[in-house]
Each structure stands twice: as structure tokens, then as C-alpha cells.
């Protein structure tokens, strides 16, 4: 049963990392992807 806890922690970590992930576009602009899957260009 401990693998379930591991899976939950892993899933949470992946979600946390993805929320704060900053991508660099083809022209060098930085953006992040929101939880709705939209690109947001408010990254400093």
C-alpha cells in the first residue's frame, strides 16, 4: 500500500513543477502554461 503514497507524492510534485514551468518560445519570449493549458506571457 505504500506505493500509493509514493504515487500521490509523485503526482503532486509533477503538478507543482508544471505550474511553475517557464518555457522559452521560438523568438525568445518567455511564457508559462496555466492550469487551463493556456499560455501566459506575464513571466519576468
PDB file of N, CA and C in Angstrom:
ATOM      1  N   UNK A   1       0.826  -1.216   0.000  1.00  0.00           N
ATOM      2  CA  UNK A   1       0.000   0.000   0.000  1.00  0.00           C
ATOM      3  C   UNK A   1       0.859   1.265   0.000  1.00  0.00           C
ATOM      4  N   UNK A   2       2.120   1.158   0.388  1.00  0.00           N
ATOM      5  CA  UNK A   2       2.959   2.356   0.460  1.00  0.00           C
ATOM      6  C   UNK A   2       3.224   2.947  -0.933  1.00  0.00           C
ATOM      7  N   UNK A   3       3.098   2.131  -1.973  1.00  0.00           N
ATOM      8  CA  UNK A   3       3.311   2.656  -3.329  1.00  0.00           C
ATOM      9  C   UNK A   3       2.251   3.686  -3.699  1.00  0.00           C
ATOM     10  N   UNK A   4       1.060   3.587  -3.077  1.00  0.00           N
ATOM     11  CA  UNK A   4       0.003   4.580  -3.340  1.00  0.00           C
ATOM     12  C   UNK A   4       0.450   5.948  -2.835  1.00  0.00           C
ATOM     13  N   UNK A   5       1.044   5.975  -1.651  1.00  0.00           N
ATOM     14  CA  UNK A   5       1.544   7.242  -1.097  1.00  0.00           C
ATOM     15  C   UNK A   5       2.626   7.808  -2.018  1.00  0.00           C
ATOM     16  N   UNK A   6       3.511   6.949  -2.475  1.00  0.00           N
ATOM     17  CA  UNK A   6       4.559   7.377  -3.402  1.00  0.00           C
ATOM     18  C   UNK A   6       3.972   7.952  -4.681  1.00  0.00           C
ATOM     19  N   UNK A   7       2.948   7.312  -5.196  1.00  0.00           N
ATOM     20  CA  UNK A   7       2.303   7.774  -6.423  1.00  0.00           C
ATOM     21  C   UNK A   7       1.648   9.138  -6.208  1.00  0.00           C
ATOM     22  N   UNK A   8       0.999   9.321  -5.068  1.00  0.00           N
ATOM     23  CA  UNK A   8       0.361  10.602  -4.755  1.00  0.00           C
ATOM     24  C   UNK A   8       1.413  11.708  -4.657  1.00  0.00           C
ATOM     25  N   UNK A   9       2.509  11.433  -3.964  1.00  0.00           N
ATOM     26  CA  UNK A   9       3.581  12.424  -3.820  1.00  0.00           C
ATOM     27  C   UNK A   9       4.170  12.759  -5.187  1.00  0.00           C
ATOM     28  N   UNK A  10       4.414  11.746  -5.992  1.00  0.00           N
ATOM     29  CA  UNK A  10       4.973  11.945  -7.333  1.00  0.00           C
ATOM     30  C   UNK A  10       4.049  12.811  -8.185  1.00  0.00           C
ATOM     31  N   UNK A  11       2.757  12.499  -8.163  1.00  0.00           N
ATOM     32  CA  UNK A  11       1.775  13.261  -8.942  1.00  0.00           C
ATOM     33  C   UNK A  11       1.740  14.714  -8.492  1.00  0.00           C
ATOM     34  N   UNK A  12       1.773  14.928  -7.173  1.00  0.00           N
ATOM     35  CA  UNK A  12       1.753  16.284  -6.626  1.00  0.00           C
ATOM     36  C   UNK A  12       2.994  17.053  -7.067  1.00  0.00           C
ATOM     37  N   UNK A  13       4.150  16.392  -7.012  1.00  0.00           N
ATOM     38  CA  UNK A  13       5.396  17.041  -7.431  1.00  0.00           C
ATOM     39  C   UNK A  13       5.346  17.437  -8.894  1.00  0.00           C
ATOM     40  N   UNK A  14       4.883  16.534  -9.751  1.00  0.00           N
ATOM     41  CA  UNK A  14       4.790  16.821 -11.187  1.00  0.00           C
ATOM     42  C   UNK A  14       3.871  18.017 -11.418  1.00  0.00           C
ATOM     43  N   UNK A  15       2.715  18.033 -10.752  1.00  0.00           N
ATOM     44  CA  UNK A  15       1.775  19.145 -10.910  1.00  0.00           C
ATOM     45  C   UNK A  15       2.374  20.459 -10.429  1.00  0.00           C
ATOM     46  N   UNK A  16       3.097  20.418  -9.313  1.00  0.00           N
ATOM     47  CA  UNK A  16       3.706  21.633  -8.772  1.00  0.00           C
ATOM     48  C   UNK A  16       4.768  22.166  -9.718  1.00  0.00           C
ATOM     49  N   UNK A  17       5.589  21.272 -10.251  1.00  0.00           N
ATOM     50  CA  UNK A  17       6.648  21.683 -11.181  1.00  0.00           C
ATOM     51  C   UNK A  17       6.039  22.269 -12.444  1.00  0.00           C
ATOM     52  N   UNK A  18       5.015  21.629 -12.978  1.00  0.00           N
ATOM     53  CA  UNK A  18       4.401  22.093 -14.221  1.00  0.00           C
ATOM     54  C   UNK A  18       3.752  23.464 -14.053  1.00  0.00           C
ATOM     55  N   UNK A  19       3.178  23.745 -12.886  1.00  0.00           N
ATOM     56  CA  UNK A  19       2.535  25.047 -12.663  1.00  0.00           C
ATOM     57  C   UNK A  19       3.536  26.183 -12.740  1.00  0.00           C
ATOM     58  N   UNK A  20       4.777  25.923 -12.319  1.00  0.00           N
ATOM     59  CA  UNK A  20       5.779  26.971 -12.278  1.00  0.00           C
ATOM     60  C   UNK A  20       6.779  26.868 -13.425  1.00  0.00           C
ATOM     61  N   UNK A  21       6.467  26.041 -14.419  1.00  0.00           N
ATOM     62  CA  UNK A  21       7.394  25.810 -15.509  1.00  0.00           C
ATOM     63  C   UNK A  21       7.384  27.001 -16.454  1.00  0.00           C
ATOM     64  N   UNK A  22       8.566  27.497 -16.810  1.00  0.00           N
ATOM     65  CA  UNK A  22       8.662  28.619 -17.737  1.00  0.00           C
ATOM     66  C   UNK A  22       9.267  28.114 -19.036  1.00  0.00           C
ATOM     67  N   UNK A  23       8.580  28.337 -20.118  1.00  0.00           N
ATOM     68  CA  UNK A  23       9.059  27.909 -21.429  1.00  0.00           C
ATOM     69  C   UNK A  23       9.625  29.115 -22.171  1.00  0.00           C
ATOM     70  N   UNK A  24      10.535  28.857 -23.090  1.00  0.00           N
ATOM     71  CA  UNK A  24      11.052  29.909 -23.960  1.00  0.00           C
ATOM     72  C   UNK A  24      10.529  29.651 -25.356  1.00  0.00           C
ATOM     73  N   UNK A  25       9.853  30.637 -25.915  1.00  0.00           N
ATOM     74  CA  UNK A  25       9.274  30.493 -27.236  1.00  0.00           C
ATOM     75  C   UNK A  25      10.327  30.563 -28.334  1.00  0.00           C
ATOM     76  N   UNK A  26       9.920  30.327 -29.578  1.00  0.00           N
ATOM     77  CA  UNK A  26      10.852  30.296 -30.702  1.00  0.00           C
ATOM     78  C   UNK A  26      11.560  31.631 -30.937  1.00  0.00           C
ATOM     79  N   UNK A  27      10.942  32.741 -30.528  1.00  0.00           N
ATOM     80  CA  UNK A  27      11.572  34.053 -30.709  1.00  0.00           C
ATOM     81  C   UNK A  27      12.179  34.570 -29.416  1.00  0.00           C
ATOM     82  N   UNK A  28      12.324  33.695 -28.421  1.00  0.00           N
ATOM     83  CA  UNK A  28      12.991  34.086 -27.177  1.00  0.00           C
ATOM     84  C   UNK A  28      12.059  34.646 -26.116  1.00  0.00           C
ATOM     85  N   UNK A  29      10.768  34.714 -26.408  1.00  0.00           N
ATOM     86  CA  UNK A  29       9.825  35.190 -25.403  1.00  0.00           C
ATOM     87  C   UNK A  29       9.548  34.111 -24.371  1.00  0.00           C
ATOM     88  N   UNK A  30       9.456  34.530 -23.116  1.00  0.00           N
ATOM     89  CA  UNK A  30       9.200  33.538 -22.064  1.00  0.00           C
ATOM     90  C   UNK A  30       7.706  33.504 -21.742  1.00  0.00           C
ATOM     91  N   UNK A  31       7.208  32.309 -21.506  1.00  0.00           N
ATOM     92  CA  UNK A  31       5.807  32.162 -21.111  1.00  0.00           C
ATOM     93  C   UNK A  31       5.665  30.961 -20.209  1.00  0.00           C
ATOM     94  N   UNK A  32       4.560  30.926 -19.481  1.00  0.00           N
ATOM     95  CA  UNK A  32       4.236  29.753 -18.672  1.00  0.00           C
ATOM     96  C   UNK A  32       2.894  29.236 -19.129  1.00  0.00           C
ATOM     97  N   UNK A  33       2.597  28.008 -18.747  1.00  0.00           N
ATOM     98  CA  UNK A  33       1.319  27.422 -19.116  1.00  0.00           C
ATOM     99  C   UNK A  33       0.459  27.373 -17.865  1.00  0.00           C
ATOM    100  N   UNK A  34      -0.736  27.933 -17.949  1.00  0.00           N
ATOM    101  CA  UNK A  34      -1.623  27.975 -16.789  1.00  0.00           C
ATOM    102  C   UNK A  34      -2.267  26.610 -16.567  1.00  0.00           C
ATOM    103  N   UNK A  35      -3.002  26.501 -15.472  1.00  0.00           N
ATOM    104  CA  UNK A  35      -3.652  25.226 -15.170  1.00  0.00           C
ATOM    105  C   UNK A  35      -4.769  24.903 -16.156  1.00  0.00           C
ATOM    106  N   UNK A  36      -5.175  25.883 -16.976  1.00  0.00           N
ATOM    107  CA  UNK A  36      -6.178  25.623 -18.011  1.00  0.00           C
ATOM    108  C   UNK A  36      -5.509  25.257 -19.337  1.00  0.00           C
ATOM    109  N   UNK A  37      -4.188  25.218 -19.345  1.00  0.00           N
ATOM    110  CA  UNK A  37      -3.474  24.867 -20.555  1.00  0.00           C
ATOM    111  C   UNK A  37      -3.211  26.044 -21.480  1.00  0.00           C
ATOM    112  N   UNK A  38      -3.513  27.251 -21.016  1.00  0.00           N
ATOM    113  CA  UNK A  38      -3.288  28.441 -21.835  1.00  0.00           C
ATOM    114  C   UNK A  38      -1.878  28.983 -21.605  1.00  0.00           C
ATOM    115  N   UNK A  39      -1.332  29.654 -22.604  1.00  0.00           N
ATOM    116  CA  UNK A  39      -0.027  30.284 -22.449  1.00  0.00           C
ATOM    117  C   UNK A  39      -0.226  31.645 -21.791  1.00  0.00           C
ATOM    118  N   UNK A  40       0.632  31.967 -20.842  1.00  0.00           N
ATOM    119  CA  UNK A  40       0.570  33.250 -20.162  1.00  0.00           C
ATOM    120  C   UNK A  40       1.929  33.917 -20.272  1.00  0.00           C
ATOM    121  N   UNK A  41       1.969  35.113 -20.828  1.00  0.00           N
ATOM    122  CA  UNK A  41       3.233  35.795 -21.101  1.00  0.00           C
ATOM    123  C   UNK A  41       3.614  36.789 -20.022  1.00  0.00           C
ATOM    124  N   UNK A  42       3.121  36.604 -18.794  1.00  0.00           N
ATOM    125  CA  UNK A  42       3.431  37.550 -17.723  1.00  0.00           C
ATOM    126  C   UNK A  42       4.683  37.168 -16.931  1.00  0.00           C
ATOM    127  N   UNK A  43       5.548  36.381 -17.531  1.00  0.00           N
ATOM    128  CA  UNK A  43       6.754  35.923 -16.829  1.00  0.00           C
ATOM    129  C   UNK A  43       7.814  37.004 -16.911  1.00  0.00           C
ATOM    130  N   UNK A  44       8.441  37.317 -15.781  1.00  0.00           N
ATOM    131  CA  UNK A  44       9.515  38.313 -15.764  1.00  0.00           C
ATOM    132  C   UNK A  44      10.830  37.669 -16.159  1.00  0.00           C
TER     133      UNK A  44
END
